[in-house]
Amino acid sequence: MAMTWRIASRDRFMAGRGWLSAHADALVVIVVAVTGQHEVWTPGWPLANIVGPRWVNSVGYLLCAAALWWRRRAPLRMIAFMTAVGAAQFLLIGASQGLGIYLPWLIGLYSLGRYAEPSALAVGAPLIVAVYAVHEFRDPAFEFGGSAVAFWWILAAAWPLGLAFRRREQRTRQLHALAAELQRERAQRDQAAAAAERGRIAREMHDEVGHGLSIIVLQTVAALGQLDQLDTAGASSRLRTVETTARHALAELRRVVGLLGEVTASPMPPVPGLPSLPALAAQVQATGVPVDLHVDAGPGSLPAGLSEAAYRVIQEALTNVIKHAGRPCRAAVTVTRKPEWLDVQITDNGPGGYPAAWGASSPASGHGMAGMRERVALYQGQLTAGPGEQGGFRVHARFPVAVAAVT
């Protein structure tokens, strides 16, 4: 919204500049024309010395003043036109003196520097020198020195002044273009960062909350079955597990919502990592899937981000075991710290193996597997997933510790 407002404001500003430019050009033409006609038709005007028929001078002054209308769009052609008109006038009736003949050339030379390429001076300067040479040759009142030299210096300074303003405007436009480009790049970076953050939060929701909901569903179904068999003690135990898991999932949901900047009344739990694996294994075992956990990684010495990534891979793999491996089955989790790698392996002995037992909802093509690959790729690691050598399914992730230390 802010960028749209700035673009609209810039467009209105540029339209306003175009309107002012057209009116400024008209004002310049009118002022120069009125000045020239005043000098021509006011006898004895102290700033002018009119030579020859006044109506010829009047027409010449008007033509040169009118040519200034094109000073922005075609400054070199304007100079050429005024040169032809002035030279013809000077040669035919002689050269008059005054602002009416001086102002068009002063403004024209300034416009040549302001609105034409610098190379245009190679054509414009000889034309101006030539017409002024004719003027001085045909001026009966010409005297070298005094005011004539001052007028020449002022005339000569017009082109550098126009060029200075031209370069200043070019630098300003370049700075505006650079600012606009930086603004676009910043908006793109903000959009990319927002998309990445949304993806990260979605993975957090899928990994933690989805895992908890999967356990809740399975435990609820099992409890209903036990109630049908009048096993109230077993159903009560499973429902207590449902309550604990639901509370944990709710706390994790609050933590993820906290990532969005929401204020929560209760403190957010810490981000899970490898030290949380025993609690994760207990959750899974409560669903009826035994978990053999072997951790030889010195998790306290690992970067927090790497520890969380490994935990999330294990969590997603165990969630898939619960949902897809079938019964009876057993899962094994092995975490090993090596000098250069952190090895994580999750296997199960579910019947049928992949893909027959996993069916159409195979984790190898689902969001869970995609999330695992993203987490491993974040640390430039390696992930393999597929049927185990003796059936079941196997997930193996390797994280380079050196990369994680600087990520």
Protein backbone atom coordinates (compact mmCIF):
# COMPACT_ATOMS: atom_id res chain seq x y z
CA MET A 1 0.00 0.00 0.00
CA ALA A 2 2.79 2.43 0.93
CA MET A 3 4.73 1.62 -2.25
CA THR A 4 1.59 2.12 -4.39
CA TRP A 5 1.03 5.52 -2.76
CA ARG A 6 4.64 6.54 -3.43
CA ILE A 7 4.42 5.47 -7.09
CA ALA A 8 1.16 7.38 -7.54
CA SER A 9 2.69 10.44 -5.88
CA ARG A 10 5.71 10.24 -8.18
CA ASP A 11 3.44 9.97 -11.24
CA ARG A 12 1.48 13.03 -10.12
CA PHE A 13 4.73 14.89 -9.49
CA MET A 14 6.06 14.05 -12.98
CA ALA A 15 2.75 15.12 -14.55
CA GLY A 16 2.96 18.37 -12.60
CA ARG A 17 6.52 18.92 -13.83
CA GLY A 18 5.38 18.46 -17.44
CA TRP A 19 2.63 21.04 -16.96
CA LEU A 20 5.07 23.51 -15.39
CA SER A 21 7.65 22.96 -18.13
CA ALA A 22 5.16 23.73 -20.91
CA HIS A 23 3.96 26.87 -19.16
CA ALA A 24 7.54 27.93 -18.37
CA ASP A 25 8.48 27.62 -22.05
CA ALA A 26 5.44 29.71 -23.02
CA LEU A 27 6.41 32.33 -20.43
CA VAL A 28 9.99 32.49 -21.76
CA VAL A 29 8.73 33.00 -25.32
CA ILE A 30 6.32 35.74 -24.21
CA VAL A 31 8.91 37.61 -22.09
CA VAL A 32 11.57 37.54 -24.84
CA ALA A 33 9.06 38.51 -27.54
CA VAL A 34 7.63 41.40 -25.50
CA THR A 35 11.14 42.64 -24.65
CA GLY A 36 12.18 42.63 -28.30
CA GLN A 37 9.01 44.36 -29.52
CA HIS A 38 9.30 46.97 -26.81
CA GLU A 39 12.83 47.79 -27.94
CA VAL A 40 11.82 47.91 -31.60
CA TRP A 41 8.76 50.13 -31.23
CA THR A 42 9.93 52.41 -28.43
CA PRO A 43 12.02 55.20 -29.99
CA GLY A 44 15.00 56.32 -27.97
CA TRP A 45 14.99 53.24 -25.69
CA PRO A 46 18.37 53.51 -23.88
CA LEU A 47 19.20 49.77 -23.94
CA ALA A 48 18.67 49.37 -27.69
CA ASN A 49 20.15 50.63 -30.94
CA ILE A 50 17.82 49.73 -33.79
CA VAL A 51 19.31 49.63 -37.29
CA GLY A 52 17.21 49.37 -40.45
CA PRO A 53 13.44 49.09 -40.92
CA ARG A 54 11.71 48.47 -37.62
CA TRP A 55 9.20 45.98 -39.04
CA VAL A 56 12.08 43.76 -40.30
CA ASN A 57 13.64 43.84 -36.84
CA SER A 58 10.24 43.12 -35.32
CA VAL A 59 9.73 40.01 -37.49
CA GLY A 60 13.27 38.77 -36.82
CA TYR A 61 12.90 39.24 -33.07
CA LEU A 62 9.53 37.45 -33.09
CA LEU A 63 10.90 34.47 -35.04
CA CYS A 64 13.89 34.07 -32.69
CA ALA A 65 11.65 34.40 -29.62
CA ALA A 66 9.17 31.83 -31.01
CA ALA A 67 12.02 29.39 -31.67
CA LEU A 68 12.61 29.21 -27.89
CA TRP A 69 9.42 27.12 -27.63
CA TRP A 70 11.52 24.14 -28.84
CA ARG A 71 14.45 24.76 -26.51
CA ARG A 72 13.82 21.53 -24.54
CA ARG A 73 12.81 19.21 -27.38
CA ALA A 74 15.20 20.30 -30.15
CA PRO A 75 17.79 22.77 -28.83
CA LEU A 76 20.29 22.24 -31.65
CA ARG A 77 17.67 22.75 -34.37
CA MET A 78 16.50 25.84 -32.49
CA ILE A 79 20.06 27.23 -32.58
CA ALA A 80 20.34 26.48 -36.30
CA PHE A 81 17.00 28.21 -37.01
CA MET A 82 17.93 31.32 -35.01
CA THR A 83 21.32 31.41 -36.76
CA ALA A 84 19.66 31.44 -40.17
CA VAL A 85 17.16 34.15 -39.15
CA GLY A 86 19.77 36.31 -37.41
CA ALA A 87 22.38 36.06 -40.17
CA ALA A 88 19.79 36.95 -42.82
CA GLN A 89 18.58 39.91 -40.76
CA PHE A 90 22.10 41.21 -40.08
CA LEU A 91 23.22 40.87 -43.69
CA LEU A 92 20.08 42.48 -45.12
CA ILE A 93 19.54 45.50 -42.87
CA GLY A 94 22.48 45.60 -40.47
CA ALA A 95 22.84 44.49 -36.86
CA SER A 96 20.81 46.11 -34.12
CA GLN A 97 21.77 46.06 -30.44
CA GLY A 98 19.65 45.31 -27.38
CA LEU A 99 18.18 42.56 -25.22
CA GLY A 100 15.76 41.56 -27.97
CA ILE A 101 18.63 40.16 -30.01
CA TYR A 102 20.81 39.08 -27.07
CA LEU A 103 18.33 37.14 -24.90
CA PRO A 104 17.36 34.50 -27.53
CA TRP A 105 21.02 33.51 -27.98
CA LEU A 106 21.73 33.54 -24.24
CA ILE A 107 18.74 31.31 -23.48
CA GLY A 108 19.40 29.18 -26.56
CA LEU A 109 23.01 28.48 -25.57
CA TYR A 110 21.94 27.64 -22.02
CA SER A 111 19.28 25.28 -23.39
CA LEU A 112 21.88 23.61 -25.63
CA GLY A 113 23.92 22.70 -22.54
CA ARG A 114 20.84 21.85 -20.46
CA TYR A 115 18.84 19.66 -22.83
CA ALA A 116 21.25 18.39 -25.52
CA GLU A 117 24.15 15.97 -25.36
CA PRO A 118 27.53 17.66 -24.73
CA SER A 119 28.61 16.65 -28.24
CA ALA A 120 25.98 19.03 -29.65
CA LEU A 121 28.27 21.91 -28.71
CA ALA A 122 30.57 20.89 -31.58
CA VAL A 123 27.81 21.99 -34.00
CA GLY A 124 26.08 24.66 -31.92
CA ALA A 125 29.19 26.65 -30.94
CA PRO A 126 30.39 27.30 -34.53
CA LEU A 127 26.90 28.43 -35.49
CA ILE A 128 26.73 30.92 -32.62
CA VAL A 129 30.27 32.17 -33.25
CA ALA A 130 29.45 32.63 -36.93
CA VAL A 131 26.22 34.59 -36.36
CA TYR A 132 27.84 36.81 -33.76
CA ALA A 133 30.78 37.44 -36.08
CA VAL A 134 28.28 38.59 -38.71
CA HIS A 135 26.51 40.71 -36.07
CA GLU A 136 29.69 42.49 -34.96
CA PHE A 137 30.75 42.96 -38.57
CA ARG A 138 27.38 44.55 -39.47
CA ASP A 139 26.94 46.52 -36.23
CA PRO A 140 27.76 50.19 -36.92
CA ALA A 141 28.11 50.88 -33.17
CA PHE A 142 30.46 47.97 -32.41
CA GLU A 143 33.46 48.77 -30.21
CA PHE A 144 35.88 46.15 -28.94
CA GLY A 145 36.08 46.06 -25.16
CA GLY A 146 33.87 47.37 -22.36
CA SER A 147 30.32 46.06 -22.33
CA ALA A 148 30.84 43.95 -25.47
CA VAL A 149 33.43 41.76 -23.70
CA ALA A 150 31.15 41.42 -20.67
CA PHE A 151 28.27 40.30 -22.89
CA TRP A 152 30.51 37.70 -24.54
CA TRP A 153 31.64 36.32 -21.19
CA ILE A 154 28.05 36.04 -19.99
CA LEU A 155 27.08 34.36 -23.26
CA ALA A 156 30.00 31.93 -23.02
CA ALA A 157 29.01 31.00 -19.45
CA ALA A 158 25.47 30.00 -20.51
CA TRP A 159 26.44 26.62 -21.97
CA PRO A 160 28.53 25.41 -18.95
CA LEU A 161 25.73 26.51 -16.63
CA GLY A 162 23.16 24.54 -18.61
CA LEU A 163 25.47 21.51 -18.68
CA ALA A 164 25.93 21.69 -14.90
CA PHE A 165 22.16 21.65 -14.37
CA ARG A 166 21.83 18.78 -16.86
CA ARG A 167 24.36 16.62 -15.01
CA ARG A 168 22.79 17.47 -11.69
CA GLU A 169 19.40 16.32 -12.96
CA GLN A 170 20.94 13.12 -14.36
CA ARG A 171 22.53 12.34 -11.01
CA THR A 172 19.22 13.01 -9.29
CA ARG A 173 17.42 10.66 -11.67
CA GLN A 174 20.06 7.99 -11.14
CA LEU A 175 19.68 8.31 -7.38
CA HIS A 176 15.89 8.08 -7.68
CA ALA A 177 16.22 5.00 -9.92
CA LEU A 178 18.68 3.43 -7.48
CA ALA A 179 16.38 4.18 -4.55
CA ALA A 180 13.44 2.64 -6.41
CA GLU A 181 15.51 -0.45 -7.25
CA LEU A 182 16.66 -0.81 -3.65
CA GLN A 183 13.07 -0.45 -2.52
CA ARG A 184 11.97 -3.19 -4.91
CA GLU A 185 14.79 -5.45 -3.74
CA ARG A 186 13.89 -4.79 -0.12
CA ALA A 187 10.24 -5.62 -0.80
CA GLN A 188 11.30 -8.84 -2.53
CA ARG A 189 13.58 -9.75 0.39
CA ASP A 190 10.77 -9.03 2.84
CA GLN A 191 8.40 -11.21 0.84
CA ALA A 192 10.96 -14.02 0.66
CA ALA A 193 11.65 -13.75 4.39
CA ALA A 194 7.92 -13.80 5.15
CA ALA A 195 7.45 -16.86 2.93
CA ALA A 196 10.39 -18.61 4.60
CA GLU A 197 9.01 -17.77 8.04
CA ARG A 198 5.57 -19.08 7.09
CA GLY A 199 7.19 -22.27 5.84
CA ARG A 200 9.18 -22.64 9.06
CA ILE A 201 6.09 -22.13 11.21
CA ALA A 202 4.15 -24.60 9.06
CA ARG A 203 6.87 -27.20 9.63
CA GLU A 204 6.77 -26.51 13.36
CA MET A 205 3.00 -27.02 13.34
CA HIS A 206 3.25 -30.19 11.29
CA ASP A 207 6.09 -31.73 13.28
CA GLU A 208 5.01 -31.03 16.83
CA VAL A 209 1.26 -30.49 16.78
CA GLY A 210 0.69 -33.05 14.03
CA HIS A 211 2.67 -35.63 15.98
CA GLY A 212 0.61 -34.96 19.10
CA LEU A 213 -2.69 -35.16 17.23
CA SER A 214 -1.67 -38.47 15.64
CA ILE A 215 -1.03 -39.94 19.07
CA ILE A 216 -4.30 -38.49 20.41
CA VAL A 217 -6.30 -40.06 17.57
CA LEU A 218 -4.69 -43.47 17.99
CA GLN A 219 -5.05 -43.46 21.76
CA THR A 220 -8.67 -42.34 21.51
CA VAL A 221 -9.51 -45.14 19.06
CA ALA A 222 -7.79 -47.68 21.33
CA ALA A 223 -9.64 -46.32 24.39
CA LEU A 224 -12.97 -46.63 22.60
CA GLY A 225 -12.14 -50.24 21.77
CA GLN A 226 -11.31 -50.96 25.41
CA LEU A 227 -14.56 -49.34 26.53
CA ASP A 228 -16.45 -51.60 24.13
CA GLN A 229 -14.71 -54.52 25.89
CA LEU A 230 -15.54 -53.00 29.34
CA ASP A 231 -11.83 -52.53 30.06
CA THR A 232 -12.31 -49.26 31.92
CA ALA A 233 -8.89 -49.34 33.57
CA GLY A 234 -7.09 -49.63 30.23
CA ALA A 235 -9.34 -46.97 28.65
CA SER A 236 -8.72 -44.64 31.58
CA SER A 237 -4.96 -45.05 31.18
CA ARG A 238 -5.11 -44.26 27.50
CA LEU A 239 -7.35 -41.23 28.08
CA ARG A 240 -4.85 -39.88 30.59
CA THR A 241 -2.18 -40.27 27.91
CA VAL A 242 -4.50 -38.38 25.54
CA GLU A 243 -4.83 -35.59 28.12
CA THR A 244 -1.06 -35.33 28.60
CA THR A 245 -0.38 -35.36 24.88
CA ALA A 246 -3.10 -32.78 24.23
CA ARG A 247 -1.66 -30.45 26.86
CA HIS A 248 1.78 -30.83 25.34
CA ALA A 249 0.41 -30.15 21.84
CA LEU A 250 -1.47 -27.10 23.14
CA ALA A 251 1.69 -25.74 24.75
CA GLU A 252 3.58 -26.28 21.50
CA LEU A 253 0.79 -24.56 19.59
CA ARG A 254 1.15 -21.57 21.90
CA ARG A 255 4.88 -21.52 21.25
CA VAL A 256 4.35 -21.55 17.49
CA VAL A 257 1.73 -18.81 17.76
CA GLY A 258 4.28 -16.86 19.78
CA LEU A 259 6.52 -16.94 16.72
CA LEU A 260 3.86 -14.87 14.98
CA GLY A 261 4.20 -12.17 17.62
CA GLU A 262 1.11 -13.14 19.61
CA VAL A 263 1.22 -12.53 23.36
CA THR A 264 0.51 -15.62 25.45
CA ALA A 265 -0.42 -15.64 29.09
CA SER A 266 1.76 -18.62 29.94
CA PRO A 267 5.50 -18.93 29.32
CA MET A 268 6.40 -20.71 26.10
CA PRO A 269 8.16 -24.07 26.42
CA PRO A 270 11.73 -24.36 25.16
CA VAL A 271 12.43 -25.59 21.66
CA PRO A 272 12.87 -29.39 21.77
CA GLY A 273 16.13 -31.06 20.88
CA LEU A 274 17.99 -34.34 21.36
CA PRO A 275 17.72 -34.13 25.17
CA SER A 276 13.93 -34.42 24.68
CA LEU A 277 14.17 -37.80 22.93
CA PRO A 278 13.34 -39.90 26.04
CA ALA A 279 10.05 -38.02 26.46
CA LEU A 280 9.30 -38.49 22.75
CA ALA A 281 10.03 -42.20 22.95
CA ALA A 282 7.71 -42.49 25.97
CA GLN A 283 4.91 -40.79 24.03
CA VAL A 284 5.30 -43.21 21.14
CA GLN A 285 5.52 -46.24 23.43
CA ALA A 286 2.26 -45.16 25.06
CA THR A 287 0.55 -45.80 21.71
CA GLY A 288 1.72 -49.40 21.73
CA VAL A 289 4.84 -49.03 19.59
CA PRO A 290 7.96 -49.95 21.60
CA VAL A 291 10.96 -47.70 20.88
CA ASP A 292 14.58 -48.73 21.38
CA LEU A 293 16.51 -45.51 21.94
CA HIS A 294 20.30 -45.33 21.64
CA VAL A 295 21.90 -41.90 21.90
CA ASP A 296 25.68 -41.55 21.76
CA ALA A 297 25.98 -37.98 20.59
CA GLY A 298 26.86 -35.72 23.50
CA PRO A 299 23.78 -33.58 22.68
CA GLY A 300 24.88 -30.82 25.01
CA SER A 301 27.86 -30.08 22.78
CA LEU A 302 25.77 -29.71 19.61
CA PRO A 303 24.42 -26.42 18.26
CA ALA A 304 20.81 -25.86 19.31
CA GLY A 305 19.59 -25.63 15.71
CA LEU A 306 21.20 -28.93 14.74
CA SER A 307 19.83 -30.61 17.86
CA GLU A 308 16.31 -29.43 17.00
CA ALA A 309 16.63 -30.49 13.34
CA ALA A 310 17.70 -34.00 14.34
CA TYR A 311 14.86 -34.19 16.88
CA ARG A 312 12.29 -33.14 14.26
CA VAL A 313 13.51 -35.79 11.80
CA ILE A 314 13.18 -38.46 14.49
CA GLN A 315 9.77 -37.14 15.55
CA GLU A 316 8.39 -37.19 12.00
CA ALA A 317 9.80 -40.66 11.32
CA LEU A 318 8.22 -42.06 14.52
CA THR A 319 4.93 -40.35 13.66
CA ASN A 320 4.96 -42.14 10.31
CA VAL A 321 5.70 -45.43 12.10
CA ILE A 322 2.64 -44.90 14.29
CA LYS A 323 0.40 -44.03 11.34
CA HIS A 324 1.64 -46.36 8.61
CA ALA A 325 3.80 -49.23 9.82
CA GLY A 326 0.97 -51.44 11.01
CA ARG A 327 0.83 -53.76 14.02
CA PRO A 328 2.71 -55.38 15.57
CA CYS A 329 5.91 -53.40 15.06
CA ARG A 330 8.86 -52.03 16.91
CA ALA A 331 10.93 -48.92 16.25
CA ALA A 332 14.59 -48.27 16.87
CA VAL A 333 16.26 -44.84 17.08
CA THR A 334 20.04 -44.51 16.97
CA VAL A 335 21.86 -41.19 17.27
CA THR A 336 25.64 -41.22 16.95
CA ARG A 337 28.06 -38.31 17.10
CA LYS A 338 31.14 -38.69 14.92
CA PRO A 339 33.98 -36.19 14.47
CA GLU A 340 32.47 -34.70 11.32
CA TRP A 341 28.93 -36.03 11.22
CA LEU A 342 25.85 -36.51 13.36
CA ASP A 343 24.19 -39.75 12.27
CA VAL A 344 20.48 -40.29 12.91
CA GLN A 345 18.77 -43.57 12.01
CA ILE A 346 15.16 -44.62 12.57
CA THR A 347 14.01 -48.10 11.60
CA ASP A 348 10.92 -50.21 12.19
CA ASN A 349 10.05 -53.84 11.58
CA GLY A 350 6.51 -53.25 10.42
CA PRO A 351 5.07 -56.01 8.24
CA GLY A 352 5.18 -55.70 4.50
CA GLY A 353 7.76 -52.94 4.23
CA TYR A 354 7.63 -50.13 1.71
CA PRO A 355 5.65 -49.58 -0.41
CA ALA A 356 3.09 -52.31 0.14
CA ALA A 357 2.48 -51.71 3.85
CA TRP A 358 2.71 -47.92 3.56
CA GLY A 359 0.15 -47.71 0.78
CA ALA A 360 -0.89 -44.60 -1.14
CA SER A 361 -0.16 -42.32 1.81
CA SER A 362 3.54 -43.13 1.72
CA PRO A 363 5.62 -40.68 3.75
CA ALA A 364 8.22 -40.67 0.97
CA SER A 365 5.89 -38.44 -1.03
CA GLY A 366 4.07 -36.56 1.75
CA HIS A 367 4.59 -33.30 3.56
CA GLY A 368 6.38 -35.02 6.43
CA MET A 369 9.13 -36.39 4.23
CA ALA A 370 9.42 -33.02 2.47
CA GLY A 371 9.83 -31.35 5.85
CA MET A 372 12.57 -33.80 6.81
CA ARG A 373 14.43 -33.16 3.57
CA GLU A 374 14.23 -29.39 4.10
CA ARG A 375 15.61 -29.62 7.62
CA VAL A 376 18.48 -31.82 6.52
CA ALA A 377 19.20 -29.65 3.47
CA LEU A 378 19.35 -26.58 5.72
CA TYR A 379 22.55 -28.01 7.22
CA GLN A 380 23.82 -29.40 3.90
CA GLY A 381 23.24 -32.92 5.15
CA GLN A 382 22.09 -36.14 3.51
CA LEU A 383 18.79 -37.98 3.89
CA THR A 384 17.84 -41.41 2.65
CA ALA A 385 14.51 -43.15 3.22
CA GLY A 386 13.21 -46.45 1.96
CA PRO A 387 12.56 -50.10 2.73
CA GLY A 388 14.78 -51.73 5.30
CA GLU A 389 17.02 -54.66 4.41
CA GLN A 390 14.88 -56.99 6.53
CA GLY A 391 11.52 -55.34 5.93
CA GLY A 392 9.94 -52.34 7.52
CA PHE A 393 11.18 -48.85 6.77
CA ARG A 394 14.44 -47.01 7.37
CA VAL A 395 15.20 -43.29 7.60
CA HIS A 396 18.86 -42.24 7.76
CA ALA A 397 20.01 -38.62 8.14
CA ARG A 398 23.58 -37.31 8.32
CA PHE A 399 24.28 -33.76 9.47
CA PRO A 400 27.75 -32.20 9.01
CA VAL A 401 28.65 -30.78 12.41
CA ALA A 402 31.08 -28.20 11.01
CA VAL A 403 28.41 -26.62 8.84
CA ALA A 404 25.93 -26.57 11.71
CA ALA A 405 28.43 -24.76 13.91
CA VAL A 406 28.43 -21.71 11.62
CA THR A 407 24.78 -21.80 10.50
